[in-house]
Amino acid sequence: MTRKICVITGTRAEYGLLRWVMQGIKDDPELTLQVIATGMHLSPEFGLTYREIEKDGFQIARKVEMLTSSDTSVGIAKSMGLGLIGFADALNELQPDLIVVLGDRFEIFAAVAAALVARIPVAHLHGGETTEGAFDEAFRHSITKMSHLHFVAAEEYRQRVIQLGEQPDRVFLVGGLGVDNIKRSKLLDRAALEASLDFNLGQKCLLITFHPVTLETSTAAHQMEELLAALAGLSETQLIFTMPNADTDGRVLIKIVEQFVTQHPNARAFTSLGQLRYLSCIAQVDGVLGNSSSGLAEVPTFKKGTINVGDRQRGRLQAESVINCEPTRQSIKAALVKLYSTEFQLSLSQVLNPYGDGGASEKVVKIIKHYSIDGIAKKAFYGLPVCLLGSQ
């Protein structure tokens, strides 16, 4: 009997990381892949990105509608409630042997909560990381405590998952999944990318993605305005924006970006570039700007610079190619000067990505195929030795 593995995905970026894990499961005759699409994948406002999943040859077993039309804190909480109801039904119908989830978003928290009470084991990817400016931090660690197998991107993250009480022999250091996506994708060259975007990349070009800092109250619009003020004078630099996620105040930022683009002919905004165009953009632009995790986990592999704005990603491991700055126009302008400096550009050739050099997807598939899940739902808390606790 084949082992039924259910992969749950709710965002374009998350799917990009899961892509080759899903392919490995699909290609293995001893595994059966089930896919549940939810969240932004099913929203016209965010590009109906479930179509990308189907375009890549995957069959979606269930769609769980959960997003409301509100990005307020009340709206997000209600979306989580809808998700919990929808996942309860979907998992009951599919009866998977194991579910696979990635990261830290509220959609995934709802899915894992439903799996917990259904006694379905959970494999969690990219746990142990920290993002001090977002409530994703608490979601991520909560998902860790509701999961049974853990696949982490770095040794520091492995130690943190163990610190949370997880058994060391269930925590696997595999590296970052995004590196696999880069290495296994045939990217568009500059001419093909420009044709696909219908946008000239010019002599200078930046890729910008800025999400709300969800643990701060009413700062999203002001921070975005400061970022755009820093970019407004770059008339000779082409600007490619990818829109923010469905987070608290996300729609506020979308409106601000749309207004900026109408007033600046050197700027273009995309609801969703798709993985191929997004990675191709990174390969062609001078650097990325914003507060996306991709700037820290994936961009260093391209030997490109990242300007990381504000606190959303505070706490993550960073390569030497990352320039941190405050969410003020003065600090962002200073970071742009450093990004384009000859010294910084020359240093990029020596950059190493702390998330590894690939191969994570194959490791994950091999482990979820062979690891015994009999009785795995019952977990014992792993307590650190007193000497280690005293040194924290």
Protein backbone atom coordinates (compact mmCIF):
# COMPACT_ATOMS: atom_id res chain seq x y z
CA MET A 1 0.00 0.00 0.00
CA THR A 2 1.36 3.40 -0.96
CA ARG A 3 1.76 6.13 1.63
CA LYS A 4 -0.60 9.06 0.98
CA ILE A 5 1.21 12.38 1.40
CA CYS A 6 -0.92 15.54 1.44
CA VAL A 7 0.91 18.78 0.64
CA ILE A 8 -0.89 21.98 1.66
CA THR A 9 -0.02 25.32 0.07
CA GLY A 10 -1.56 28.76 0.38
CA THR A 11 0.80 31.25 -1.29
CA ARG A 12 2.83 31.66 -4.47
CA ALA A 13 6.15 31.86 -2.59
CA GLU A 14 5.41 28.82 -0.45
CA TYR A 15 4.51 26.75 -3.51
CA GLY A 16 7.79 27.76 -5.12
CA LEU A 17 9.64 26.21 -2.20
CA LEU A 18 7.46 23.08 -2.18
CA ARG A 19 7.56 22.55 -5.94
CA TRP A 20 10.29 19.92 -6.11
CA VAL A 21 9.20 18.12 -2.95
CA MET A 22 5.82 17.69 -4.61
CA GLN A 23 7.45 16.46 -7.81
CA GLY A 24 9.53 13.95 -5.90
CA ILE A 25 6.44 12.58 -4.14
CA LYS A 26 4.50 12.44 -7.40
CA ASP A 27 7.29 10.56 -9.19
CA ASP A 28 7.75 7.93 -6.48
CA PRO A 29 5.62 4.82 -7.11
CA GLU A 30 5.48 4.08 -3.37
CA LEU A 31 3.96 7.48 -2.56
CA THR A 32 0.64 9.06 -3.51
CA LEU A 33 0.55 12.83 -3.74
CA GLN A 34 -2.49 14.79 -2.59
CA VAL A 35 -2.53 18.58 -2.95
CA ILE A 36 -4.72 21.04 -1.07
CA ALA A 37 -4.68 24.62 -2.36
CA THR A 38 -5.93 27.40 -0.13
CA GLY A 39 -5.49 31.07 0.76
CA MET A 40 -4.18 33.42 -1.91
CA HIS A 41 -3.98 30.61 -4.49
CA LEU A 42 -7.78 30.77 -4.81
CA SER A 43 -8.18 34.56 -4.82
CA PRO A 44 -8.65 36.55 -8.05
CA GLU A 45 -7.25 39.55 -6.18
CA PHE A 46 -3.95 37.72 -5.73
CA GLY A 47 -3.76 36.20 -9.19
CA LEU A 48 -5.51 32.79 -8.87
CA THR A 49 -2.10 31.19 -8.53
CA TYR A 50 -3.53 27.69 -8.12
CA ARG A 51 -3.37 27.71 -11.92
CA GLU A 52 0.44 27.67 -11.71
CA ILE A 53 0.23 24.48 -9.65
CA GLU A 54 -1.97 22.85 -12.29
CA LYS A 55 0.23 24.18 -15.10
CA ASP A 56 3.18 22.35 -13.53
CA GLY A 57 1.27 19.08 -13.87
CA PHE A 58 -0.14 18.65 -10.37
CA GLN A 59 -3.74 17.70 -9.70
CA ILE A 60 -5.35 19.64 -6.87
CA ALA A 61 -7.33 17.23 -4.72
CA ARG A 62 -9.19 19.86 -2.69
CA LYS A 63 -9.52 23.65 -2.58
CA VAL A 64 -10.15 25.23 0.81
CA GLU A 65 -11.61 28.72 0.50
CA MET A 66 -10.78 30.79 3.56
CA LEU A 67 -9.83 34.38 2.71
CA THR A 68 -12.35 37.09 3.50
CA SER A 69 -12.46 40.43 1.71
CA SER A 70 -10.95 42.13 4.77
CA ASP A 71 -7.29 42.46 5.74
CA THR A 72 -8.04 43.78 9.23
CA SER A 73 -7.05 41.75 12.27
CA VAL A 74 -10.70 40.68 12.62
CA GLY A 75 -10.80 39.63 8.97
CA ILE A 76 -7.62 37.56 9.30
CA ALA A 77 -8.94 35.84 12.45
CA LYS A 78 -12.19 35.01 10.66
CA SER A 79 -10.21 33.61 7.73
CA MET A 80 -8.42 31.29 10.14
CA GLY A 81 -11.78 30.10 11.43
CA LEU A 82 -13.04 29.41 7.92
CA GLY A 83 -9.81 27.59 7.17
CA LEU A 84 -10.15 25.35 10.20
CA ILE A 85 -13.64 24.33 9.08
CA GLY A 86 -12.55 23.74 5.49
CA PHE A 87 -9.45 21.74 6.38
CA ALA A 88 -11.43 19.55 8.78
CA ASP A 89 -13.68 18.50 5.88
CA ALA A 90 -10.86 18.16 3.33
CA LEU A 91 -8.65 16.01 5.56
CA ASN A 92 -11.59 13.83 6.55
CA GLU A 93 -12.34 13.20 2.88
CA LEU A 94 -8.73 12.59 1.77
CA GLN A 95 -7.56 10.57 4.81
CA PRO A 96 -3.83 11.19 4.22
CA ASP A 97 -1.17 9.25 6.11
CA LEU A 98 0.96 12.39 6.51
CA ILE A 99 0.58 16.06 5.68
CA VAL A 100 3.46 18.26 4.56
CA VAL A 101 3.44 21.99 5.30
CA LEU A 102 5.98 24.78 5.07
CA GLY A 103 6.64 27.87 7.08
CA ASP A 104 4.60 30.11 9.24
CA ARG A 105 1.48 31.62 7.75
CA PHE A 106 -1.97 31.71 9.35
CA GLU A 107 -3.41 29.49 6.60
CA ILE A 108 -0.95 26.75 7.49
CA PHE A 109 -1.59 27.19 11.21
CA ALA A 110 -5.29 26.48 10.56
CA ALA A 111 -4.45 23.41 8.47
CA VAL A 112 -2.14 21.93 11.08
CA ALA A 113 -4.63 22.58 13.90
CA ALA A 114 -7.21 20.58 11.95
CA ALA A 115 -4.69 17.78 11.35
CA LEU A 116 -3.79 17.66 15.04
CA VAL A 117 -7.30 16.86 16.22
CA ALA A 118 -7.72 14.44 13.31
CA ARG A 119 -4.59 12.59 14.57
CA ILE A 120 -2.82 13.00 11.22
CA PRO A 121 0.98 13.29 11.53
CA VAL A 122 2.55 16.49 10.21
CA ALA A 123 5.92 17.07 8.51
CA HIS A 124 6.94 20.71 8.90
CA LEU A 125 9.49 22.38 6.61
CA HIS A 126 11.53 25.49 7.46
CA GLY A 127 10.78 25.46 11.17
CA GLY A 128 13.01 26.97 13.85
CA GLU A 129 13.46 30.27 12.03
CA THR A 130 12.71 33.67 13.53
CA THR A 131 10.93 36.74 12.17
CA GLU A 132 10.63 39.08 15.12
CA GLY A 133 8.52 41.67 13.33
CA ALA A 134 5.68 39.37 12.25
CA PHE A 135 3.11 37.22 14.03
CA ASP A 136 4.39 34.49 11.72
CA GLU A 137 7.02 33.96 14.43
CA ALA A 138 4.43 32.61 16.88
CA PHE A 139 2.59 30.68 14.16
CA ARG A 140 5.83 28.98 13.09
CA HIS A 141 6.76 27.80 16.58
CA SER A 142 3.17 26.72 17.26
CA ILE A 143 3.20 24.66 14.06
CA THR A 144 6.44 23.08 15.24
CA LYS A 145 4.74 21.95 18.45
CA MET A 146 1.85 20.44 16.47
CA SER A 147 4.19 18.66 14.03
CA HIS A 148 6.00 15.35 14.20
CA LEU A 149 8.81 15.47 11.62
CA HIS A 150 10.89 18.60 11.17
CA PHE A 151 13.02 19.65 8.20
CA VAL A 152 15.19 22.70 8.85
CA ALA A 153 17.44 24.88 6.73
CA ALA A 154 20.40 25.45 9.07
CA GLU A 155 21.99 24.04 12.22
CA GLU A 156 20.92 27.07 14.27
CA TYR A 157 17.31 26.35 13.32
CA ARG A 158 17.73 22.67 14.17
CA GLN A 159 18.89 23.58 17.65
CA ARG A 160 15.94 25.92 18.13
CA VAL A 161 13.41 23.22 17.19
CA ILE A 162 15.05 20.89 19.71
CA GLN A 163 14.95 23.71 22.26
CA LEU A 164 11.19 23.77 21.74
CA GLY A 165 11.07 20.21 23.05
CA GLU A 166 11.17 18.19 19.83
CA GLN A 167 13.06 14.89 19.73
CA PRO A 168 16.46 15.35 18.02
CA ASP A 169 16.04 12.22 15.89
CA ARG A 170 12.95 13.77 14.30
CA VAL A 171 14.68 17.03 13.36
CA PHE A 172 16.50 16.83 10.02
CA LEU A 173 18.95 19.41 8.68
CA VAL A 174 18.34 19.46 4.92
CA GLY A 175 19.06 23.06 3.86
CA GLY A 176 16.85 25.63 2.18
CA LEU A 177 14.29 24.46 -0.35
CA GLY A 178 14.51 27.68 -2.34
CA VAL A 179 18.02 26.82 -3.49
CA ASP A 180 16.66 23.70 -5.21
CA ASN A 181 14.11 25.76 -7.07
CA ILE A 182 16.86 28.04 -8.37
CA LYS A 183 19.17 25.24 -9.44
CA ARG A 184 16.46 23.16 -11.13
CA SER A 185 14.77 25.97 -13.06
CA LYS A 186 15.75 27.01 -16.57
CA LEU A 187 15.52 30.77 -16.20
CA LEU A 188 14.50 33.22 -18.89
CA ASP A 189 17.26 35.24 -20.47
CA ARG A 190 17.02 39.02 -20.46
CA ALA A 191 15.24 39.38 -23.80
CA ALA A 192 12.71 36.65 -23.04
CA LEU A 193 12.04 38.11 -19.60
CA GLU A 194 11.47 41.60 -20.99
CA ALA A 195 9.08 40.19 -23.57
CA SER A 196 7.18 38.23 -20.93
CA LEU A 197 6.92 41.26 -18.65
CA ASP A 198 6.32 43.70 -21.50
CA PHE A 199 8.78 45.91 -19.65
CA ASN A 200 12.29 47.11 -20.48
CA LEU A 201 14.77 46.38 -17.70
CA GLY A 202 17.01 49.28 -18.72
CA GLN A 203 20.57 49.95 -17.52
CA LYS A 204 19.58 49.79 -13.86
CA CYS A 205 16.77 47.75 -12.34
CA LEU A 206 15.49 46.79 -8.89
CA LEU A 207 12.96 44.18 -7.73
CA ILE A 208 10.82 45.35 -4.80
CA THR A 209 8.60 43.33 -2.45
CA PHE A 210 7.38 44.88 0.79
CA HIS A 211 4.97 43.18 3.20
CA PRO A 212 3.32 44.61 6.34
CA VAL A 213 5.18 44.19 9.63
CA THR A 214 2.25 42.43 11.24
CA LEU A 215 3.28 42.85 14.88
CA GLU A 216 3.31 46.62 14.49
CA THR A 217 0.11 48.66 14.55
CA SER A 218 -0.71 50.98 11.64
CA THR A 219 2.88 51.27 10.37
CA ALA A 220 2.47 49.55 7.00
CA ALA A 221 1.29 52.55 4.97
CA HIS A 222 3.85 54.94 6.46
CA GLN A 223 6.73 52.53 5.89
CA MET A 224 5.66 51.90 2.29
CA GLU A 225 5.43 55.64 1.68
CA GLU A 226 8.95 56.09 3.05
CA LEU A 227 10.23 53.32 0.78
CA LEU A 228 8.54 54.85 -2.27
CA ALA A 229 9.87 58.31 -1.37
CA ALA A 230 13.38 56.84 -1.49
CA LEU A 231 12.65 55.36 -4.93
CA ALA A 232 10.81 58.34 -6.41
CA GLY A 233 13.98 60.11 -7.53
CA LEU A 234 15.43 57.09 -9.34
CA SER A 235 14.04 58.06 -12.73
CA GLU A 236 16.81 56.19 -14.57
CA THR A 237 16.26 52.97 -12.62
CA GLN A 238 13.53 50.55 -13.68
CA LEU A 239 11.40 49.34 -10.77
CA ILE A 240 9.58 46.00 -10.69
CA PHE A 241 7.11 45.57 -7.80
CA THR A 242 5.58 42.30 -6.66
CA MET A 243 2.49 42.83 -4.55
CA PRO A 244 2.36 41.97 -0.83
CA ASN A 245 0.70 38.93 0.71
CA ALA A 246 -2.78 38.73 2.19
CA ASP A 247 -1.60 39.95 5.58
CA THR A 248 -3.04 42.55 7.92
CA ASP A 249 -3.04 45.88 6.00
CA GLY A 250 -1.81 44.16 2.84
CA ARG A 251 -4.51 45.73 0.67
CA VAL A 252 -3.52 49.17 1.93
CA LEU A 253 -0.04 48.63 0.54
CA ILE A 254 -1.37 47.37 -2.77
CA LYS A 255 -3.30 50.61 -3.32
CA ILE A 256 -0.25 52.71 -2.49
CA VAL A 257 1.93 50.80 -4.94
CA GLU A 258 -0.71 51.01 -7.67
CA GLN A 259 -0.89 54.78 -7.26
CA PHE A 260 2.92 55.09 -7.37
CA VAL A 261 3.14 53.06 -10.57
CA THR A 262 0.57 55.25 -12.35
CA GLN A 263 2.75 58.28 -11.60
CA HIS A 264 6.14 56.76 -12.51
CA PRO A 265 6.62 55.36 -16.04
CA ASN A 266 9.79 53.55 -14.94
CA ALA A 267 7.77 51.36 -12.53
CA ARG A 268 5.57 48.31 -13.07
CA ALA A 269 3.65 46.25 -10.53
CA PHE A 270 2.67 42.57 -10.80
CA THR A 271 0.12 40.74 -8.68
CA SER A 272 2.12 37.57 -9.17
CA LEU A 273 5.17 37.07 -11.36
CA GLY A 274 5.09 33.30 -10.99
CA GLN A 275 8.18 31.39 -9.90
CA LEU A 276 9.93 31.34 -13.27
CA ARG A 277 9.64 35.07 -13.90
CA TYR A 278 10.37 35.93 -10.28
CA LEU A 279 13.62 33.97 -10.22
CA SER A 280 14.51 35.24 -13.68
CA CYS A 281 14.03 38.79 -12.43
CA ILE A 282 16.44 38.20 -9.55
CA ALA A 283 19.03 36.94 -12.03
CA GLN A 284 18.70 40.08 -14.17
CA VAL A 285 18.18 42.96 -11.72
CA ASP A 286 20.87 44.82 -9.77
CA GLY A 287 19.39 43.82 -6.42
CA VAL A 288 16.21 43.28 -4.45
CA LEU A 289 14.62 45.66 -1.99
CA GLY A 290 11.96 45.14 0.68
CA ASN A 291 11.33 42.69 3.50
CA SER A 292 10.61 39.34 1.85
CA SER A 293 12.24 36.19 3.21
CA SER A 294 13.35 35.45 -0.34
CA GLY A 295 15.84 38.29 -0.11
CA LEU A 296 17.63 36.41 2.66
CA ALA A 297 17.10 32.77 1.74
CA GLU A 298 17.30 32.74 -2.06
CA VAL A 299 18.81 35.92 -3.48
CA PRO A 300 22.33 35.23 -2.08
CA THR A 301 22.54 32.17 -4.36
CA PHE A 302 22.39 34.57 -7.32
CA LYS A 303 25.31 36.62 -5.90
CA LYS A 304 23.01 39.65 -5.83
CA GLY A 305 22.55 42.22 -3.09
CA THR A 306 19.50 42.48 -0.85
CA ILE A 307 18.30 45.61 0.93
CA ASN A 308 16.34 44.32 3.91
CA VAL A 309 14.02 47.05 5.21
CA GLY A 310 12.78 47.16 8.81
CA ASP A 311 12.04 44.41 11.32
CA ARG A 312 9.87 41.85 9.53
CA GLN A 313 12.79 39.48 8.91
CA ARG A 314 14.80 40.36 12.02
CA GLY A 315 16.36 37.22 13.49
CA ARG A 316 16.87 35.22 10.28
CA LEU A 317 20.32 34.04 9.22
CA GLN A 318 21.83 36.45 6.70
CA ALA A 319 24.51 36.31 4.06
CA GLU A 320 27.08 39.09 3.63
CA SER A 321 25.06 40.26 0.62
CA VAL A 322 22.25 41.56 2.85
CA ILE A 323 22.16 45.28 3.71
CA ASN A 324 19.89 46.05 6.66
CA CYS A 325 18.27 49.44 6.96
CA GLU A 326 15.53 51.23 8.85
CA PRO A 327 12.14 51.88 7.16
CA THR A 328 12.94 55.55 6.56
CA ARG A 329 13.71 57.24 3.27
CA GLN A 330 17.12 58.42 4.49
CA SER A 331 18.19 54.95 5.60
CA ILE A 332 16.87 53.31 2.41
CA LYS A 333 18.68 55.87 0.24
CA ALA A 334 21.93 55.17 2.10
CA ALA A 335 21.41 51.44 1.55
CA LEU A 336 20.91 52.03 -2.18
CA VAL A 337 24.17 53.94 -2.34
CA LYS A 338 25.94 51.00 -0.70
CA LEU A 339 24.22 48.49 -3.00
CA TYR A 340 25.56 50.24 -6.10
CA SER A 341 29.02 50.92 -4.66
CA THR A 342 31.94 49.29 -6.45
CA GLU A 343 33.29 47.76 -3.24
CA PHE A 344 29.99 46.07 -2.39
CA GLN A 345 29.42 44.81 -5.93
CA LEU A 346 32.90 43.28 -6.04
CA SER A 347 32.29 41.51 -2.73
CA LEU A 348 29.22 39.66 -4.03
CA SER A 349 31.25 37.06 -5.93
CA GLN A 350 32.43 35.66 -2.58
CA VAL A 351 29.00 35.43 -0.96
CA LEU A 352 27.88 32.09 0.49
CA ASN A 353 24.22 31.34 1.11
CA PRO A 354 23.74 30.20 4.75
CA TYR A 355 20.77 28.12 3.53
CA GLY A 356 23.01 25.70 1.67
CA ASP A 357 23.70 24.79 -1.93
CA GLY A 358 20.77 22.53 -2.84
CA GLY A 359 19.55 18.96 -2.47
CA ALA A 360 16.97 19.61 0.28
CA SER A 361 13.96 18.39 -1.70
CA GLU A 362 15.38 14.92 -2.35
CA LYS A 363 16.32 14.55 1.32
CA VAL A 364 12.81 15.48 2.45
CA VAL A 365 11.13 13.02 0.09
CA LYS A 366 13.45 10.18 1.10
CA ILE A 367 12.76 10.70 4.80
CA ILE A 368 8.98 11.04 4.55
CA LYS A 369 8.95 7.90 2.43
CA HIS A 370 10.91 5.70 4.81
CA TYR A 371 10.42 7.12 8.31
CA SER A 372 8.03 5.02 10.38
CA ILE A 373 4.92 6.99 11.30
CA ASP A 374 3.30 4.26 13.39
CA GLY A 375 2.32 5.82 16.71
CA ILE A 376 4.15 9.03 15.82
CA ALA A 377 1.20 11.20 16.85
CA LYS A 378 2.08 10.65 20.51
CA LYS A 379 5.00 12.91 21.32
CA ALA A 380 7.27 13.07 24.35
CA PHE A 381 8.72 16.46 25.27
CA TYR A 382 12.50 16.50 24.91
CA GLY A 383 13.97 18.41 27.83
CA LEU A 384 17.37 20.03 27.44
CA PRO A 385 19.99 19.21 30.09
CA VAL A 386 20.01 21.59 33.05
CA CYS A 387 23.51 22.80 32.21
CA LEU A 388 22.34 23.92 28.77
CA LEU A 389 19.21 25.56 30.15
CA GLY A 390 21.33 27.59 32.52
CA SER A 391 23.47 28.90 29.68
CA GLN A 392 20.62 30.25 27.57
